[in-house]
C-alpha cells in the first residue's frame, strides 16, 4: 500500500514538473532568431542588422540560425507595426536610429518607441553636408553665406521625409546660425541613393546624409564633404572634414543606432542579450566591421540606452515643436 501511494505521489510530481517545464519552454535561446531591418536593403538599418547577424554567426554567439527580415515603408512605421505585433516573442529583434524618436513625436508611428524593449546602443554615425566635386561652394562658410542670403534658393536634399533626420540635422544648424529653418528648401527622397543622384545631376546645391551612406563617394572624389556633425574630427577618409564646432557653430548631431527586443520581452531573454551584446562588441569581427563602415563604437547597456533615449526625445521635441513638426 505504501509503495503504491509513493508511486502515485511520484507520478503526480513528475507530471507537475513536466507541466512546469513545458509551460516555461526550453532554456533561452532554443529557436532561430529574426532581426528586423525596418527599411530596404542597402541602408543604415539594413547594414546594422546584417552586421549583427554576421558577428553572431562568425563569433558563434547565438546557437541557432539567424536571419534578417527587411520591412520597409513609412520611415520605419511598417517595421514598427510588425515588431509590435510580435509582443512577447523573445526571438525578434529590431534595429533603429533617431527616426524611432522622430516618428514617435510626429505620430508617424501608431505606437510610441517606448513599447519596444531597449537592449543596447551600439554605434554612432554623424551627419555630413556634401556638395558636388565641382560645386562653387568650396567651404561650409561659402554655403552658409548663400543660404543666409536666400534660404529658399539654395535647395538641399536628403534620404528622409521633411521633419525627419536628414532634414532636421541641417535645420538645427541653420537655427543656430540665425537662419529661419522654416524658410529652407528641402527636397525629400525615400533613400540616400536618390538624394545623391539628384545632387550629381545638379538639381540641388547640397545633400545632408549620414557619413556611412556617402563614404564611398567621398573617397571616390565625386562629392566633397564640407562639414561633419561630430564633436571632434574623424580619421581616415574624413580626416580633412571640419566639424561644425571648428566652423563656429557650437552643436553636434548624432546618428546613433541601437537594437531592441519586441514589446514584452522576457526578463530571461533581456538578461541573455545583455550579456551576449556586451561580449559581441568586444569581438574582433565586430571591431573590424565598425572600422570598415567608419562607425564609431558607442556601446551602452540597456539601462544606459533607455536613459539616452529619454534625452533624445526631449531634444527632438524642442526642435520639432519649434519647426511645427511635433504633434
Protein backbone atom coordinates (compact mmCIF):
# COMPACT_ATOMS: atom_id res chain seq x y z
CA UNK A 1 0.00 0.00 0.00
CA UNK A 2 2.79 2.36 0.97
CA UNK A 3 4.70 1.57 -2.23
CA UNK A 4 1.59 2.14 -4.31
CA UNK A 5 0.88 5.51 -2.64
CA UNK A 6 4.52 6.58 -3.05
CA UNK A 7 4.42 5.67 -6.72
CA UNK A 8 1.28 7.75 -7.20
CA UNK A 9 2.84 10.77 -5.46
CA UNK A 10 5.97 10.42 -7.58
CA UNK A 11 3.84 10.27 -10.73
CA UNK A 12 1.97 13.43 -9.73
CA UNK A 13 5.28 15.23 -9.07
CA UNK A 14 6.64 14.16 -12.46
CA UNK A 15 3.50 15.40 -14.17
CA UNK A 16 3.75 18.74 -12.34
CA UNK A 17 7.42 19.14 -13.18
CA UNK A 18 6.74 18.22 -16.77
CA UNK A 19 3.91 20.74 -16.96
CA UNK A 20 6.09 23.49 -15.49
CA UNK A 21 8.95 22.78 -17.88
CA UNK A 22 6.54 22.68 -20.80
CA UNK A 23 4.89 25.97 -19.81
CA UNK A 24 8.20 27.75 -19.36
CA UNK A 25 9.72 26.29 -22.52
CA UNK A 26 13.31 25.25 -23.14
CA UNK A 27 16.21 27.32 -21.87
CA UNK A 28 16.78 30.51 -23.86
CA UNK A 29 17.74 30.56 -26.67
CA UNK A 30 16.23 27.47 -28.24
CA UNK A 31 14.79 28.82 -31.51
CA UNK A 32 16.01 30.66 -34.63
CA UNK A 33 16.36 34.44 -34.33
CA UNK A 34 14.92 37.07 -36.66
CA UNK A 35 16.47 40.54 -36.84
CA UNK A 36 14.17 43.13 -38.41
CA UNK A 37 15.62 45.92 -40.56
CA UNK A 38 12.71 48.38 -40.99
CA UNK A 39 13.95 49.53 -44.42
CA UNK A 40 15.06 48.29 -47.82
CA UNK A 41 18.42 46.51 -48.25
CA UNK A 42 21.38 48.83 -48.58
CA UNK A 43 20.57 51.48 -46.00
CA UNK A 44 21.87 52.10 -42.50
CA UNK A 45 19.31 49.97 -40.68
CA UNK A 46 19.90 47.08 -43.05
CA UNK A 47 23.68 47.39 -42.63
CA UNK A 48 23.30 47.37 -38.84
CA UNK A 49 21.04 44.30 -38.82
CA UNK A 50 23.31 42.36 -41.18
CA UNK A 51 26.41 43.31 -39.22
CA UNK A 52 24.86 41.97 -36.01
CA UNK A 53 23.81 38.82 -37.89
CA UNK A 54 27.30 38.30 -39.28
CA UNK A 55 29.08 38.81 -35.96
CA UNK A 56 26.72 36.49 -34.08
CA UNK A 57 27.37 33.76 -36.63
CA UNK A 58 31.13 34.18 -37.06
CA UNK A 59 31.78 34.50 -33.33
CA UNK A 60 29.30 31.69 -32.58
CA UNK A 61 27.42 33.79 -30.04
CA UNK A 62 23.94 32.58 -30.96
CA UNK A 63 23.43 28.79 -31.01
CA UNK A 64 20.55 28.81 -33.52
CA UNK A 65 20.09 30.10 -37.10
CA UNK A 66 19.84 33.88 -37.52
CA UNK A 67 18.16 35.74 -40.38
CA UNK A 68 17.48 39.35 -41.36
CA UNK A 69 13.99 40.42 -42.44
CA UNK A 70 13.56 43.71 -44.31
CA UNK A 71 10.30 45.52 -43.53
CA UNK A 72 10.49 48.80 -45.47
CA UNK A 73 7.86 51.52 -45.55
CA UNK A 74 6.64 54.62 -43.77
CA UNK A 75 10.04 55.70 -42.47
CA UNK A 76 10.18 52.62 -40.27
CA UNK A 77 6.44 52.51 -39.49
CA UNK A 78 5.88 49.17 -41.23
CA UNK A 79 8.72 47.62 -39.24
CA UNK A 80 7.37 49.18 -36.05
CA UNK A 81 3.91 47.69 -36.64
CA UNK A 82 5.49 44.31 -37.38
CA UNK A 83 7.61 44.18 -34.23
CA UNK A 84 4.70 45.38 -32.07
CA UNK A 85 2.62 42.52 -33.44
CA UNK A 86 5.32 40.18 -32.08
CA UNK A 87 4.65 41.19 -28.48
CA UNK A 88 6.11 38.68 -26.03
CA UNK A 89 8.22 36.95 -28.70
CA UNK A 90 11.77 36.59 -27.38
CA UNK A 91 13.11 35.67 -30.82
CA UNK A 92 12.51 39.00 -32.56
CA UNK A 93 14.99 41.88 -32.54
CA UNK A 94 14.81 45.19 -34.43
CA UNK A 95 17.35 47.91 -35.14
CA UNK A 96 16.53 51.62 -35.09
CA UNK A 97 18.14 55.06 -35.04
CA UNK A 98 16.84 58.65 -34.48
CA UNK A 99 13.72 58.22 -36.70
CA UNK A 100 12.42 55.97 -33.92
CA UNK A 101 12.15 59.08 -31.72
CA UNK A 102 11.22 61.48 -34.53
CA UNK A 103 8.35 59.31 -35.77
CA UNK A 104 7.04 58.90 -32.25
CA UNK A 105 6.88 62.68 -31.81
CA UNK A 106 5.26 63.37 -35.19
CA UNK A 107 2.83 60.44 -34.76
CA UNK A 108 4.00 58.60 -37.89
CA UNK A 109 4.15 55.54 -35.64
CA UNK A 110 0.86 54.33 -34.23
CA UNK A 111 2.80 53.08 -31.18
CA UNK A 112 5.46 55.08 -29.29
CA UNK A 113 9.10 53.97 -29.20
CA UNK A 114 8.66 53.11 -25.52
CA UNK A 115 6.72 49.96 -26.42
CA UNK A 116 9.99 48.35 -27.53
CA UNK A 117 12.49 46.71 -25.18
CA UNK A 118 15.82 48.60 -25.36
CA UNK A 119 18.75 46.17 -25.30
CA UNK A 120 21.80 48.26 -26.23
CA UNK A 121 23.04 51.35 -28.01
CA UNK A 122 25.70 50.04 -30.39
CA UNK A 123 27.28 52.66 -32.62
CA UNK A 124 27.03 56.24 -33.68
CA UNK A 125 27.44 57.88 -37.01
CA UNK A 126 27.35 61.55 -37.88
CA UNK A 127 25.80 63.75 -40.48
CA UNK A 128 27.82 65.29 -43.30
CA UNK A 129 26.85 68.07 -45.67
CA UNK A 130 28.18 67.29 -49.13
CA UNK A 131 28.36 69.09 -52.48
CA UNK A 132 29.38 68.00 -55.97
CA UNK A 133 33.11 67.90 -56.57
CA UNK A 134 32.82 70.91 -58.92
CA UNK A 135 30.43 72.88 -56.70
CA UNK A 136 31.02 76.64 -56.43
CA UNK A 137 30.73 76.23 -52.65
CA UNK A 138 34.30 75.44 -51.67
CA UNK A 139 33.77 75.66 -47.91
CA UNK A 140 30.87 75.33 -45.49
CA UNK A 141 31.12 79.07 -44.82
CA UNK A 142 30.56 79.70 -48.53
CA UNK A 143 27.49 77.51 -48.43
CA UNK A 144 26.08 79.10 -45.27
CA UNK A 145 26.60 82.61 -46.67
CA UNK A 146 24.49 81.65 -49.70
CA UNK A 147 21.80 80.06 -47.52
CA UNK A 148 21.63 83.16 -45.31
CA UNK A 149 21.28 85.40 -48.35
CA UNK A 150 18.44 83.39 -49.87
CA UNK A 151 17.40 80.29 -47.88
CA UNK A 152 14.74 79.22 -50.35
CA UNK A 153 17.04 79.36 -53.37
CA UNK A 154 19.75 77.02 -52.05
CA UNK A 155 17.96 73.69 -52.25
CA UNK A 156 19.21 70.68 -50.34
CA UNK A 157 18.17 67.03 -50.37
CA UNK A 158 18.14 64.05 -48.06
CA UNK A 159 17.01 60.45 -47.94
CA UNK A 160 14.23 61.04 -45.43
CA UNK A 161 10.92 62.88 -45.29
CA UNK A 162 10.52 66.54 -44.24
CA UNK A 163 10.84 66.76 -40.48
CA UNK A 164 12.97 63.63 -40.31
CA UNK A 165 16.67 63.02 -39.72
CA UNK A 166 18.43 64.42 -42.81
CA UNK A 167 16.18 67.47 -42.81
CA UNK A 168 16.32 68.16 -39.07
CA UNK A 169 20.11 67.86 -38.95
CA UNK A 170 20.55 70.91 -41.16
CA UNK A 171 17.58 72.71 -39.59
CA UNK A 172 19.35 72.51 -36.25
CA UNK A 173 22.50 74.01 -37.79
CA UNK A 174 20.55 76.73 -39.60
CA UNK A 175 18.70 77.73 -36.45
CA UNK A 176 21.95 78.18 -34.52
CA UNK A 177 23.37 80.20 -37.42
CA UNK A 178 20.48 82.64 -37.17
CA UNK A 179 18.56 81.34 -40.19
CA UNK A 180 14.81 80.71 -40.03
CA UNK A 181 14.70 76.97 -40.67
CA UNK A 182 11.13 77.27 -41.96
CA UNK A 183 12.49 79.20 -44.95
CA UNK A 184 14.78 76.37 -46.07
CA UNK A 185 14.06 74.49 -49.29
CA UNK A 186 14.33 70.75 -48.67
CA UNK A 187 13.80 68.04 -51.29
CA UNK A 188 12.88 64.71 -49.70
CA UNK A 189 13.66 61.26 -51.10
CA UNK A 190 12.95 57.75 -49.86
CA UNK A 191 16.63 56.91 -49.64
CA UNK A 192 20.10 58.43 -49.69
CA UNK A 193 20.87 56.99 -53.12
CA UNK A 194 18.14 59.06 -54.79
CA UNK A 195 19.27 62.21 -53.00
CA UNK A 196 22.84 61.63 -54.16
CA UNK A 197 21.72 61.09 -57.77
CA UNK A 198 19.86 64.40 -57.64
CA UNK A 199 22.97 66.14 -56.30
CA UNK A 200 25.21 64.68 -59.01
CA UNK A 201 22.63 65.73 -61.58
CA UNK A 202 22.98 69.33 -60.44
CA UNK A 203 19.38 69.63 -59.22
CA UNK A 204 20.19 70.56 -55.62
CA UNK A 205 23.04 72.51 -54.05
CA UNK A 206 23.92 70.04 -51.32
CA UNK A 207 22.89 66.88 -49.52
CA UNK A 208 22.52 66.14 -45.82
CA UNK A 209 23.41 62.50 -45.14
CA UNK A 210 24.84 60.06 -42.66
CA UNK A 211 28.55 59.51 -43.32
CA UNK A 212 28.19 55.77 -43.88
CA UNK A 213 25.83 56.26 -46.81
CA UNK A 214 28.14 58.58 -48.79
CA UNK A 215 31.60 57.49 -47.66
CA UNK A 216 32.45 55.63 -50.87
CA UNK A 217 31.51 58.70 -52.93
CA UNK A 218 33.68 60.93 -50.75
CA UNK A 219 36.56 58.50 -51.24
CA UNK A 220 35.93 58.40 -54.99
CA UNK A 221 36.05 62.19 -55.17
CA UNK A 222 32.65 62.62 -56.84
CA UNK A 223 31.47 64.68 -53.86
CA UNK A 224 33.11 66.86 -51.21
CA UNK A 225 32.13 66.91 -47.56
CA UNK A 226 32.09 70.50 -46.25
CA UNK A 227 31.30 69.79 -42.60
CA UNK A 228 30.58 66.98 -40.18
CA UNK A 229 28.40 66.99 -37.06
CA UNK A 230 30.80 65.08 -34.78
CA UNK A 231 32.29 66.64 -31.68
CA UNK A 232 35.82 66.23 -32.99
CA UNK A 233 37.45 65.42 -36.31
CA UNK A 234 37.18 61.90 -37.60
CA UNK A 235 40.06 59.94 -39.06
CA UNK A 236 40.53 58.05 -42.31
CA UNK A 237 38.68 59.37 -45.35
CA UNK A 238 37.03 62.05 -43.20
CA UNK A 239 40.19 63.47 -41.61
CA UNK A 240 40.06 66.69 -43.66
CA UNK A 241 36.39 67.43 -42.98
CA UNK A 242 35.97 70.20 -40.36
CA UNK A 243 33.45 69.89 -37.54
CA UNK A 244 30.67 72.40 -37.06
CA UNK A 245 32.32 73.49 -33.83
CA UNK A 246 35.51 74.34 -35.71
CA UNK A 247 33.38 76.48 -38.00
CA UNK A 248 31.82 78.42 -35.14
CA UNK A 249 28.52 76.53 -34.84
CA UNK A 250 28.51 75.01 -31.37
CA UNK A 251 26.49 71.84 -31.89
CA UNK A 252 26.70 68.16 -32.78
CA UNK A 253 24.20 65.77 -34.33
CA UNK A 254 24.45 62.10 -33.53
CA UNK A 255 23.10 59.38 -35.82
CA UNK A 256 23.07 56.57 -33.27
CA UNK A 257 21.93 53.02 -33.91
CA UNK A 258 20.72 50.53 -31.36
CA UNK A 259 18.99 47.18 -31.00
CA UNK A 260 15.67 46.44 -29.34
CA UNK A 261 13.62 43.44 -28.41
CA UNK A 262 9.90 43.09 -29.09
CA UNK A 263 7.45 44.56 -26.56
CA UNK A 264 7.15 42.37 -23.50
CA UNK A 265 10.44 40.52 -23.98
CA UNK A 266 11.00 38.23 -21.00
CA UNK A 267 13.49 39.14 -18.29
CA UNK A 268 15.46 35.96 -19.04
CA UNK A 269 15.85 36.92 -22.69
CA UNK A 270 16.78 40.50 -21.77
CA UNK A 271 19.47 39.25 -19.41
CA UNK A 272 20.80 36.82 -22.04
CA UNK A 273 21.05 39.56 -24.66
CA UNK A 274 22.59 41.97 -22.18
CA UNK A 275 25.47 39.55 -21.61
CA UNK A 276 25.74 38.49 -25.24
CA UNK A 277 25.80 42.00 -26.72
CA UNK A 278 28.41 43.03 -24.18
CA UNK A 279 30.58 40.16 -25.48
CA UNK A 280 29.74 40.89 -29.11
CA UNK A 281 31.07 44.47 -29.06
CA UNK A 282 34.47 43.26 -27.82
CA UNK A 283 34.99 40.73 -30.62
CA UNK A 284 37.47 41.10 -33.45
CA UNK A 285 34.75 40.67 -36.08
CA UNK A 286 32.67 43.49 -34.59
CA UNK A 287 35.61 45.88 -34.37
CA UNK A 288 36.67 45.13 -37.94
CA UNK A 289 33.13 45.72 -39.16
CA UNK A 290 32.95 49.12 -37.46
CA UNK A 291 36.29 50.17 -38.91
CA UNK A 292 35.23 49.14 -42.41
CA UNK A 293 31.94 51.06 -42.18
CA UNK A 294 33.52 54.05 -40.37
CA UNK A 295 31.06 53.65 -37.49
CA UNK A 296 32.03 54.98 -34.08
CA UNK A 297 31.65 52.49 -31.20
CA UNK A 298 29.12 53.84 -28.70
CA UNK A 299 28.03 50.83 -26.65
CA UNK A 300 25.65 51.43 -23.76
CA UNK A 301 23.80 48.71 -21.89
CA UNK A 302 20.01 48.55 -21.64
CA UNK A 303 19.73 50.93 -18.68
CA UNK A 304 22.10 53.49 -20.20
CA UNK A 305 20.37 53.24 -23.56
CA UNK A 306 16.92 53.80 -22.03
CA UNK A 307 18.18 56.95 -20.30
CA UNK A 308 19.82 58.16 -23.52
CA UNK A 309 16.55 57.70 -25.44
CA UNK A 310 14.67 59.90 -22.97
CA UNK A 311 17.26 62.65 -23.53
CA UNK A 312 16.89 62.28 -27.30
CA UNK A 313 13.12 62.55 -27.00
CA UNK A 314 13.38 65.82 -25.08
CA UNK A 315 15.90 67.33 -27.52
CA UNK A 316 13.96 66.37 -30.65
CA UNK A 317 10.66 67.51 -29.18
CA UNK A 318 12.04 71.02 -28.62
CA UNK A 319 13.41 71.28 -32.18
CA UNK A 320 10.36 69.72 -33.86
CA UNK A 321 7.92 71.85 -31.88
CA UNK A 322 9.79 74.97 -32.97
CA UNK A 323 9.57 73.88 -36.61
CA UNK A 324 5.95 72.76 -36.42
CA UNK A 325 6.60 69.04 -36.85
CA UNK A 326 5.55 67.85 -33.39
CA UNK A 327 2.03 66.52 -32.98
